[in-house]
C-alpha atoms as a PDB file:
ATOM      1  CA  UNK A   1       1.437   7.223 -16.227  1.00  0.00           C
ATOM      2  CA  UNK A   2       2.963   8.013 -12.812  1.00  0.00           C
ATOM      3  CA  UNK A   3       5.603  10.678 -12.465  1.00  0.00           C
ATOM      4  CA  UNK A   4       8.943   9.648 -13.877  1.00  0.00           C
ATOM      5  CA  UNK A   5      11.573   8.710 -11.319  1.00  0.00           C
ATOM      6  CA  UNK A   6      14.620  10.089 -13.098  1.00  0.00           C
ATOM      7  CA  UNK A   7      17.844   8.310 -12.286  1.00  0.00           C
ATOM      8  CA  UNK A   8      20.972  10.492 -12.208  1.00  0.00           C
ATOM      9  CA  UNK A   9      24.093   8.483 -12.882  1.00  0.00           C
ATOM     10  CA  UNK A  10      27.775   9.371 -13.248  1.00  0.00           C
ATOM     11  CA  UNK A  11      28.561  11.044 -16.534  1.00  0.00           C
ATOM     12  CA  UNK A  12      25.082  11.997 -17.700  1.00  0.00           C
ATOM     13  CA  UNK A  13      25.138  15.663 -16.667  1.00  0.00           C
ATOM     14  CA  UNK A  14      28.698  16.015 -17.955  1.00  0.00           C
ATOM     15  CA  UNK A  15      27.829  14.597 -21.373  1.00  0.00           C
ATOM     16  CA  UNK A  16      24.696  16.675 -21.823  1.00  0.00           C
ATOM     17  CA  UNK A  17      26.372  19.925 -20.751  1.00  0.00           C
ATOM     18  CA  UNK A  18      29.215  19.491 -23.244  1.00  0.00           C
ATOM     19  CA  UNK A  19      27.475  17.764 -26.141  1.00  0.00           C
ATOM     20  CA  UNK A  20      23.805  18.453 -25.616  1.00  0.00           C
ATOM     21  CA  UNK A  21      22.746  18.877 -29.230  1.00  0.00           C
ATOM     22  CA  UNK A  22      24.563  15.835 -30.554  1.00  0.00           C
ATOM     23  CA  UNK A  23      23.613  13.684 -27.584  1.00  0.00           C
ATOM     24  CA  UNK A  24      19.920  14.369 -27.948  1.00  0.00           C
ATOM     25  CA  UNK A  25      19.816  13.090 -31.500  1.00  0.00           C
ATOM     26  CA  UNK A  26      22.189  10.212 -30.856  1.00  0.00           C
ATOM     27  CA  UNK A  27      20.928   6.726 -31.654  1.00  0.00           C
ATOM     28  CA  UNK A  28      22.599   3.592 -30.396  1.00  0.00           C
ATOM     29  CA  UNK A  29      23.273   0.085 -31.584  1.00  0.00           C
ATOM     30  CA  UNK A  30      22.568  -2.684 -29.107  1.00  0.00           C
ATOM     31  CA  UNK A  31      24.472  -5.931 -28.795  1.00  0.00           C
ATOM     32  CA  UNK A  32      22.142  -8.104 -26.723  1.00  0.00           C
ATOM     33  CA  UNK A  33      21.985 -11.751 -25.743  1.00  0.00           C
ATOM     34  CA  UNK A  34      19.877 -13.811 -23.358  1.00  0.00           C
ATOM     35  CA  UNK A  35      20.463 -17.086 -21.561  1.00  0.00           C
ATOM     36  CA  UNK A  36      18.028 -19.111 -19.452  1.00  0.00           C
ATOM     37  CA  UNK A  37      18.399 -22.391 -17.534  1.00  0.00           C
ATOM     38  CA  UNK A  38      16.226 -24.447 -15.190  1.00  0.00           C
ATOM     39  CA  UNK A  39      19.091 -24.688 -12.700  1.00  0.00           C
ATOM     40  CA  UNK A  40      20.553 -27.690 -10.912  1.00  0.00           C
ATOM     41  CA  UNK A  41      17.497 -28.607  -8.843  1.00  0.00           C
ATOM     42  CA  UNK A  42      14.260 -27.792 -10.656  1.00  0.00           C
ATOM     43  CA  UNK A  43      13.142 -29.785 -13.681  1.00  0.00           C
ATOM     44  CA  UNK A  44      10.880 -27.064 -15.066  1.00  0.00           C
ATOM     45  CA  UNK A  45      12.065 -23.623 -16.131  1.00  0.00           C
ATOM     46  CA  UNK A  46       9.315 -21.162 -15.222  1.00  0.00           C
ATOM     47  CA  UNK A  47      11.323 -18.137 -16.357  1.00  0.00           C
ATOM     48  CA  UNK A  48      10.648 -16.531 -19.730  1.00  0.00           C
ATOM     49  CA  UNK A  49      12.203 -13.705 -21.707  1.00  0.00           C
ATOM     50  CA  UNK A  50      12.016 -11.823 -24.973  1.00  0.00           C
ATOM     51  CA  UNK A  51      14.496  -9.531 -26.689  1.00  0.00           C
ATOM     52  CA  UNK A  52      13.722  -7.157 -29.539  1.00  0.00           C
ATOM     53  CA  UNK A  53      16.930  -5.168 -29.925  1.00  0.00           C
ATOM     54  CA  UNK A  54      15.850  -3.610 -33.227  1.00  0.00           C
ATOM     55  CA  UNK A  55      12.755  -2.186 -31.507  1.00  0.00           C
ATOM     56  CA  UNK A  56      14.484  -1.365 -28.227  1.00  0.00           C
ATOM     57  CA  UNK A  57      12.404  -3.660 -25.996  1.00  0.00           C
ATOM     58  CA  UNK A  58      13.526  -6.448 -23.649  1.00  0.00           C
ATOM     59  CA  UNK A  59      11.631  -8.357 -20.969  1.00  0.00           C
ATOM     60  CA  UNK A  60      12.252 -10.980 -18.270  1.00  0.00           C
ATOM     61  CA  UNK A  61       9.507 -12.744 -16.291  1.00  0.00           C
ATOM     62  CA  UNK A  62       9.880 -15.223 -13.429  1.00  0.00           C
ATOM     63  CA  UNK A  63       6.918 -17.552 -12.946  1.00  0.00           C
ATOM     64  CA  UNK A  64       5.447 -18.423  -9.563  1.00  0.00           C
ATOM     65  CA  UNK A  65       2.701 -20.702  -8.355  1.00  0.00           C
ATOM     66  CA  UNK A  66       4.219 -24.132  -8.762  1.00  0.00           C
ATOM     67  CA  UNK A  67       3.549 -26.950 -11.193  1.00  0.00           C
ATOM     68  CA  UNK A  68       3.164 -25.394 -14.643  1.00  0.00           C
ATOM     69  CA  UNK A  69       1.206 -22.333 -13.497  1.00  0.00           C
ATOM     70  CA  UNK A  70       4.238 -20.077 -13.235  1.00  0.00           C
ATOM     71  CA  UNK A  71       5.483 -21.113 -16.636  1.00  0.00           C
ATOM     72  CA  UNK A  72       2.115 -20.240 -18.178  1.00  0.00           C
ATOM     73  CA  UNK A  73       2.017 -16.800 -16.562  1.00  0.00           C
ATOM     74  CA  UNK A  74       5.579 -15.841 -17.473  1.00  0.00           C
ATOM     75  CA  UNK A  75       5.121 -16.943 -21.078  1.00  0.00           C
ATOM     76  CA  UNK A  76       1.849 -15.011 -21.297  1.00  0.00           C
ATOM     77  CA  UNK A  77       3.647 -11.847 -20.219  1.00  0.00           C
ATOM     78  CA  UNK A  78       6.569 -12.089 -22.628  1.00  0.00           C
ATOM     79  CA  UNK A  79       4.201 -13.046 -25.461  1.00  0.00           C
ATOM     80  CA  UNK A  80       2.060  -9.996 -24.733  1.00  0.00           C
ATOM     81  CA  UNK A  81       5.132  -7.750 -24.669  1.00  0.00           C
ATOM     82  CA  UNK A  82       6.344  -9.252 -27.951  1.00  0.00           C
ATOM     83  CA  UNK A  83       2.938  -8.629 -29.523  1.00  0.00           C
ATOM     84  CA  UNK A  84       3.035  -5.005 -28.345  1.00  0.00           C
ATOM     85  CA  UNK A  85       6.424  -4.519 -30.001  1.00  0.00           C
ATOM     86  CA  UNK A  86       4.684  -4.638 -33.383  1.00  0.00           C
ATOM     87  CA  UNK A  87       3.152  -1.242 -32.602  1.00  0.00           C
ATOM     88  CA  UNK A  88       6.092   0.560 -30.980  1.00  0.00           C
ATOM     89  CA  UNK A  89       7.365   1.994 -34.272  1.00  0.00           C
ATOM     90  CA  UNK A  90       4.314   4.263 -34.346  1.00  0.00           C
ATOM     91  CA  UNK A  91       4.919   5.568 -30.806  1.00  0.00           C
ATOM     92  CA  UNK A  92       5.490   9.328 -30.777  1.00  0.00           C
ATOM     93  CA  UNK A  93       7.976   9.292 -27.889  1.00  0.00           C
ATOM     94  CA  UNK A  94       9.354   7.139 -25.091  1.00  0.00           C
ATOM     95  CA  UNK A  95       6.283   7.636 -22.889  1.00  0.00           C
ATOM     96  CA  UNK A  96       4.004   6.396 -25.660  1.00  0.00           C
ATOM     97  CA  UNK A  97       6.260   3.412 -26.223  1.00  0.00           C
ATOM     98  CA  UNK A  98       6.282   2.586 -22.512  1.00  0.00           C
ATOM     99  CA  UNK A  99       2.487   2.880 -22.378  1.00  0.00           C
ATOM    100  CA  UNK A 100       2.144   0.183 -25.038  1.00  0.00           C
ATOM    101  CA  UNK A 101       4.279  -2.201 -22.994  1.00  0.00           C
ATOM    102  CA  UNK A 102       2.576  -1.335 -19.695  1.00  0.00           C
ATOM    103  CA  UNK A 103      -0.857  -1.866 -21.233  1.00  0.00           C
ATOM    104  CA  UNK A 104       0.192  -5.275 -22.547  1.00  0.00           C
ATOM    105  CA  UNK A 105       1.346  -6.344 -19.083  1.00  0.00           C
ATOM    106  CA  UNK A 106      -1.809  -4.974 -17.463  1.00  0.00           C
ATOM    107  CA  UNK A 107      -3.979  -6.986 -19.860  1.00  0.00           C
ATOM    108  CA  UNK A 108      -2.245 -10.186 -18.802  1.00  0.00           C
ATOM    109  CA  UNK A 109      -2.734  -9.225 -15.153  1.00  0.00           C
ATOM    110  CA  UNK A 110      -6.454  -8.749 -15.772  1.00  0.00           C
ATOM    111  CA  UNK A 111      -6.710 -12.082 -17.568  1.00  0.00           C
ATOM    112  CA  UNK A 112      -4.939 -13.959 -14.777  1.00  0.00           C
ATOM    113  CA  UNK A 113      -6.958 -12.387 -11.968  1.00  0.00           C
ATOM    114  CA  UNK A 114     -10.252 -12.982 -13.791  1.00  0.00           C
ATOM    115  CA  UNK A 115      -9.341 -16.633 -14.372  1.00  0.00           C
ATOM    116  CA  UNK A 116      -8.509 -17.065 -10.680  1.00  0.00           C
ATOM    117  CA  UNK A 117     -11.831 -15.497  -9.683  1.00  0.00           C
ATOM    118  CA  UNK A 118     -13.737 -17.815 -12.002  1.00  0.00           C
ATOM    119  CA  UNK A 119     -11.767 -20.887 -10.872  1.00  0.00           C
ATOM    120  CA  UNK A 120     -10.825 -20.265  -7.222  1.00  0.00           C
ATOM    121  CA  UNK A 121      -9.586 -23.837  -6.761  1.00  0.00           C
ATOM    122  CA  UNK A 122      -6.950 -23.365  -9.439  1.00  0.00           C
ATOM    123  CA  UNK A 123      -4.682 -21.526  -7.003  1.00  0.00           C
ATOM    124  CA  UNK A 124      -2.232 -18.722  -7.598  1.00  0.00           C
ATOM    125  CA  UNK A 125      -0.787 -18.194 -11.059  1.00  0.00           C
ATOM    126  CA  UNK A 126       1.497 -15.251 -11.591  1.00  0.00           C
ATOM    127  CA  UNK A 127       4.984 -13.983 -12.307  1.00  0.00           C
ATOM    128  CA  UNK A 128       7.381 -11.137 -11.830  1.00  0.00           C
ATOM    129  CA  UNK A 129       8.062  -8.869 -14.776  1.00  0.00           C
ATOM    130  CA  UNK A 130      10.785  -6.432 -15.736  1.00  0.00           C
ATOM    131  CA  UNK A 131      10.749  -4.698 -19.106  1.00  0.00           C
ATOM    132  CA  UNK A 132      13.333  -2.322 -20.553  1.00  0.00           C
ATOM    133  CA  UNK A 133      12.287   0.134 -23.260  1.00  0.00           C
ATOM    134  CA  UNK A 134      14.561   2.491 -25.215  1.00  0.00           C
ATOM    135  CA  UNK A 135      14.095   5.285 -27.726  1.00  0.00           C
ATOM    136  CA  UNK A 136      17.254   6.940 -29.067  1.00  0.00           C
ATOM    137  CA  UNK A 137      19.296   7.830 -25.964  1.00  0.00           C
ATOM    138  CA  UNK A 138      16.321   7.588 -23.591  1.00  0.00           C
ATOM    139  CA  UNK A 139      15.652   4.466 -21.570  1.00  0.00           C
ATOM    140  CA  UNK A 140      12.857   3.387 -19.227  1.00  0.00           C
ATOM    141  CA  UNK A 141      12.117   0.370 -17.079  1.00  0.00           C
ATOM    142  CA  UNK A 142       8.837  -0.966 -15.675  1.00  0.00           C
ATOM    143  CA  UNK A 143       8.680  -3.827 -13.208  1.00  0.00           C
ATOM    144  CA  UNK A 144       6.862  -5.729 -10.489  1.00  0.00           C
ATOM    145  CA  UNK A 145       8.526  -8.281  -8.230  1.00  0.00           C
ATOM    146  CA  UNK A 146      12.177  -9.084  -7.630  1.00  0.00           C
ATOM    147  CA  UNK A 147      13.552  -9.457 -11.137  1.00  0.00           C
ATOM    148  CA  UNK A 148      16.245  -6.794 -11.439  1.00  0.00           C
ATOM    149  CA  UNK A 149      17.830  -4.255 -13.754  1.00  0.00           C
ATOM    150  CA  UNK A 150      21.538  -3.555 -13.318  1.00  0.00           C
ATOM    151  CA  UNK A 151      23.696  -1.000 -15.097  1.00  0.00           C
ATOM    152  CA  UNK A 152      27.470  -1.236 -15.450  1.00  0.00           C
ATOM    153  CA  UNK A 153      28.959   2.191 -16.237  1.00  0.00           C
ATOM    154  CA  UNK A 154      32.328   3.848 -15.620  1.00  0.00           C
ATOM    155  CA  UNK A 155      33.644   0.842 -13.679  1.00  0.00           C
ATOM    156  CA  UNK A 156      30.649   0.868 -11.345  1.00  0.00           C
ATOM    157  CA  UNK A 157      27.679  -1.492 -10.987  1.00  0.00           C
ATOM    158  CA  UNK A 158      24.292   0.031 -10.146  1.00  0.00           C
ATOM    159  CA  UNK A 159      21.112  -1.812  -9.195  1.00  0.00           C
ATOM    160  CA  UNK A 160      18.493   0.458 -10.759  1.00  0.00           C
ATOM    161  CA  UNK A 161      15.341  -1.448  -9.822  1.00  0.00           C
ATOM    162  CA  UNK A 162      14.167  -1.988  -6.251  1.00  0.00           C
ATOM    163  CA  UNK A 163      12.836  -5.396  -5.229  1.00  0.00           C
ATOM    164  CA  UNK A 164       9.165  -5.659  -4.332  1.00  0.00           C
ATOM    165  CA  UNK A 165       9.728  -8.155  -1.539  1.00  0.00           C
ATOM    166  CA  UNK A 166       9.168  -8.670   2.162  1.00  0.00           C
ATOM    167  CA  UNK A 167      12.887  -8.551   2.956  1.00  0.00           C
ATOM    168  CA  UNK A 168      13.334  -5.317   0.989  1.00  0.00           C
ATOM    169  CA  UNK A 169      10.565  -3.697   3.039  1.00  0.00           C
ATOM    170  CA  UNK A 170      12.169  -4.961   6.262  1.00  0.00           C
ATOM    171  CA  UNK A 171      15.546  -3.698   5.091  1.00  0.00           C
ATOM    172  CA  UNK A 172      14.150  -0.288   4.143  1.00  0.00           C
ATOM    173  CA  UNK A 173      12.459  -0.069   7.537  1.00  0.00           C
ATOM    174  CA  UNK A 174      15.657  -0.859   9.395  1.00  0.00           C
ATOM    175  CA  UNK A 175      14.177  -4.051  10.842  1.00  0.00           C
ATOM    176  CA  UNK A 176      16.891  -6.297   9.401  1.00  0.00           C
ATOM    177  CA  UNK A 177      20.434  -5.746   8.168  1.00  0.00           C
ATOM    178  CA  UNK A 178      21.876  -6.493   4.735  1.00  0.00           C
ATOM    179  CA  UNK A 179      23.660  -9.497   6.248  1.00  0.00           C
ATOM    180  CA  UNK A 180      20.354 -10.922   7.521  1.00  0.00           C
ATOM    181  CA  UNK A 181      18.646 -10.805   4.124  1.00  0.00           C
ATOM    182  CA  UNK A 182      20.404 -13.882   2.725  1.00  0.00           C
ATOM    183  CA  UNK A 183      19.106 -16.209   5.456  1.00  0.00           C
ATOM    184  CA  UNK A 184      15.743 -14.609   6.225  1.00  0.00           C
ATOM    185  CA  UNK A 185      12.877 -17.164   6.060  1.00  0.00           C
ATOM    186  CA  UNK A 186      10.823 -14.805   3.860  1.00  0.00           C
ATOM    187  CA  UNK A 187      13.630 -13.845   1.475  1.00  0.00           C
ATOM    188  CA  UNK A 188      11.749 -15.292  -1.514  1.00  0.00           C
ATOM    189  CA  UNK A 189       8.355 -13.725  -0.720  1.00  0.00           C
ATOM    190  CA  UNK A 190       7.471 -10.943  -3.156  1.00  0.00           C
ATOM    191  CA  UNK A 191       4.892  -8.223  -2.581  1.00  0.00           C
ATOM    192  CA  UNK A 192       3.982  -7.456  -6.201  1.00  0.00           C
ATOM    193  CA  UNK A 193       3.454  -9.748  -9.177  1.00  0.00           C
ATOM    194  CA  UNK A 194       1.482 -10.009 -12.383  1.00  0.00           C
ATOM    195  CA  UNK A 195      -1.670 -11.958 -11.503  1.00  0.00           C
ATOM    196  CA  UNK A 196      -1.494 -11.367  -7.747  1.00  0.00           C
ATOM    197  CA  UNK A 197      -4.075  -8.571  -7.477  1.00  0.00           C
ATOM    198  CA  UNK A 198      -6.730  -6.953  -9.637  1.00  0.00           C
ATOM    199  CA  UNK A 199      -4.777  -3.692  -9.537  1.00  0.00           C
ATOM    200  CA  UNK A 200      -1.174  -4.183 -10.651  1.00  0.00           C
ATOM    201  CA  UNK A 201       1.200  -1.388  -9.686  1.00  0.00           C
ATOM    202  CA  UNK A 202       4.225  -1.283 -11.951  1.00  0.00           C
ATOM    203  CA  UNK A 203       7.201   0.757 -10.796  1.00  0.00           C
ATOM    204  CA  UNK A 204       8.768   3.048 -13.383  1.00  0.00           C
ATOM    205  CA  UNK A 205      12.122   4.745 -13.794  1.00  0.00           C
ATOM    206  CA  UNK A 206      13.857   6.554 -16.642  1.00  0.00           C
ATOM    207  CA  UNK A 207      17.442   7.478 -17.434  1.00  0.00           C
ATOM    208  CA  UNK A 208      19.682   8.330 -20.374  1.00  0.00           C
ATOM    209  CA  UNK A 209      21.980   5.838 -22.041  1.00  0.00           C
ATOM    210  CA  UNK A 210      25.661   6.370 -22.741  1.00  0.00           C
ATOM    211  CA  UNK A 211      27.992   4.554 -25.132  1.00  0.00           C
ATOM    212  CA  UNK A 212      29.614   1.486 -23.543  1.00  0.00           C
ATOM    213  CA  UNK A 213      26.825   1.058 -20.986  1.00  0.00           C
ATOM    214  CA  UNK A 214      26.103  -2.572 -20.153  1.00  0.00           C
ATOM    215  CA  UNK A 215      22.581  -3.375 -18.951  1.00  0.00           C
ATOM    216  CA  UNK A 216      21.507  -6.592 -17.256  1.00  0.00           C
ATOM    217  CA  UNK A 217      17.957  -7.849 -16.817  1.00  0.00           C
ATOM    218  CA  UNK A 218      17.775 -10.931 -14.598  1.00  0.00           C
ATOM    219  CA  UNK A 219      15.513 -13.147 -12.535  1.00  0.00           C
ATOM    220  CA  UNK A 220      16.275 -13.693  -8.852  1.00  0.00           C
ATOM    221  CA  UNK A 221      17.897 -16.991  -9.774  1.00  0.00           C
ATOM    222  CA  UNK A 222      20.952 -14.892 -10.621  1.00  0.00           C
ATOM    223  CA  UNK A 223      21.176 -12.254  -7.899  1.00  0.00           C
ATOM    224  CA  UNK A 224      20.228 -14.666  -5.104  1.00  0.00           C
ATOM    225  CA  UNK A 225      22.964 -17.121  -6.121  1.00  0.00           C
ATOM    226  CA  UNK A 226      25.997 -14.973  -6.987  1.00  0.00           C
ATOM    227  CA  UNK A 227      27.335 -11.725  -5.546  1.00  0.00           C
ATOM    228  CA  UNK A 228      27.312  -8.231  -7.000  1.00  0.00           C
ATOM    229  CA  UNK A 229      31.106  -8.449  -7.261  1.00  0.00           C
ATOM    230  CA  UNK A 230      30.797 -11.574  -9.405  1.00  0.00           C
ATOM    231  CA  UNK A 231      28.230  -9.868 -11.624  1.00  0.00           C
ATOM    232  CA  UNK A 232      30.432  -6.791 -12.018  1.00  0.00           C
ATOM    233  CA  UNK A 233      33.506  -8.865 -12.863  1.00  0.00           C
ATOM    234  CA  UNK A 234      31.657 -10.445 -15.782  1.00  0.00           C
ATOM    235  CA  UNK A 235      29.918  -7.297 -17.041  1.00  0.00           C
ATOM    236  CA  UNK A 236      33.186  -5.351 -16.954  1.00  0.00           C
ATOM    237  CA  UNK A 237      34.965  -7.825 -19.227  1.00  0.00           C
ATOM    238  CA  UNK A 238      35.666  -7.072 -22.888  1.00  0.00           C
ATOM    239  CA  UNK A 239      33.624 -10.066 -24.036  1.00  0.00           C
ATOM    240  CA  UNK A 240      30.498  -9.660 -26.141  1.00  0.00           C
ATOM    241  CA  UNK A 241      27.003  -9.874 -24.662  1.00  0.00           C
ATOM    242  CA  UNK A 242      26.589 -13.532 -25.608  1.00  0.00           C
ATOM    243  CA  UNK A 243      29.661 -14.597 -23.662  1.00  0.00           C
ATOM    244  CA  UNK A 244      28.748 -12.399 -20.709  1.00  0.00           C
ATOM    245  CA  UNK A 245      25.245 -13.895 -20.539  1.00  0.00           C
ATOM    246  CA  UNK A 246      26.646 -17.412 -20.773  1.00  0.00           C
ATOM    247  CA  UNK A 247      29.233 -16.791 -18.064  1.00  0.00           C
ATOM    248  CA  UNK A 248      26.631 -15.342 -15.697  1.00  0.00           C
ATOM    249  CA  UNK A 249      24.470 -18.450 -15.976  1.00  0.00           C
ATOM    250  CA  UNK A 250      27.495 -20.754 -15.729  1.00  0.00           C
ATOM    251  CA  UNK A 251      28.475 -18.977 -12.502  1.00  0.00           C
ATOM    252  CA  UNK A 252      25.095 -19.882 -11.028  1.00  0.00           C
ATOM    253  CA  UNK A 253      25.274 -23.484 -12.246  1.00  0.00           C
ATOM    254  CA  UNK A 254      28.734 -23.912 -10.726  1.00  0.00           C
ATOM    255  CA  UNK A 255      27.097 -23.386  -7.322  1.00  0.00           C
ATOM    256  CA  UNK A 256      23.888 -24.807  -5.831  1.00  0.00           C
ATOM    257  CA  UNK A 257      21.732 -23.432  -8.665  1.00  0.00           C
ATOM    258  CA  UNK A 258      18.544 -23.954  -6.659  1.00  0.00           C
ATOM    259  CA  UNK A 259      16.328 -21.761  -8.851  1.00  0.00           C
ATOM    260  CA  UNK A 260      15.702 -21.090 -12.522  1.00  0.00           C
ATOM    261  CA  UNK A 261      18.026 -18.402 -13.843  1.00  0.00           C
ATOM    262  CA  UNK A 262      17.515 -16.006 -16.737  1.00  0.00           C
ATOM    263  CA  UNK A 263      19.712 -13.134 -17.874  1.00  0.00           C
ATOM    264  CA  UNK A 264      19.577 -10.640 -20.708  1.00  0.00           C
ATOM    265  CA  UNK A 265      22.752  -8.632 -21.317  1.00  0.00           C
ATOM    266  CA  UNK A 266      22.665  -5.501 -23.475  1.00  0.00           C
ATOM    267  CA  UNK A 267      25.795  -3.616 -24.498  1.00  0.00           C
ATOM    268  CA  UNK A 268      25.306  -0.100 -25.855  1.00  0.00           C
ATOM    269  CA  UNK A 269      27.470   0.900 -28.811  1.00  0.00           C
END
């Protein structure tokens, strides 16, 4: 496993310094809900998701490739993650738990790339993936593509994942501005995906949870259609996760809704 990219967020150091012993043994209850819709334009929903709150595992995948190929790939990924959940109870720590999920995703990547090699005329079949894994107060995320993880904490919204996309690379390199991203002709081109290459590189980050955190896993059908301010307004409400998830999707559908949209909202209690 690559070195952990530890995310330092407001409040974590303060909590650990004052309540270190209690915080380390703290376990949380998760109120989670997911919502997925094909959108206003597309007939087929190629997004897929799974949520296993009792086991501390959630996943969102956004299919690509057209026709039904993307749907197949995204469902393969979430099915593999769900199968891996059966073994997470035996994991010794968070790293072991993450390894089970990573291995499941890698197996799907191998299967998809082998199938494409054997049937080159079948075209590209793949998907993004973003999985969230928790163990007690510890939390980790693995991902490839432009599905995102957001955290709402202390009245602030944080995008924890970084898109694997052409426009993100151009933005990081100073070639384009934030304002140019929305209308860039390659704004939907991703640079990593399950099934795209024989070697799949999954990014990895880890951080500690706090009570009242709200986490959001979503496909790009959400963050490309509504603003961060709109997302924060919904996540900051006192509603439960089900209503927050529903309102996020409804916000997309009230606009153009050009893409499939999937959200998974997790409230930490």
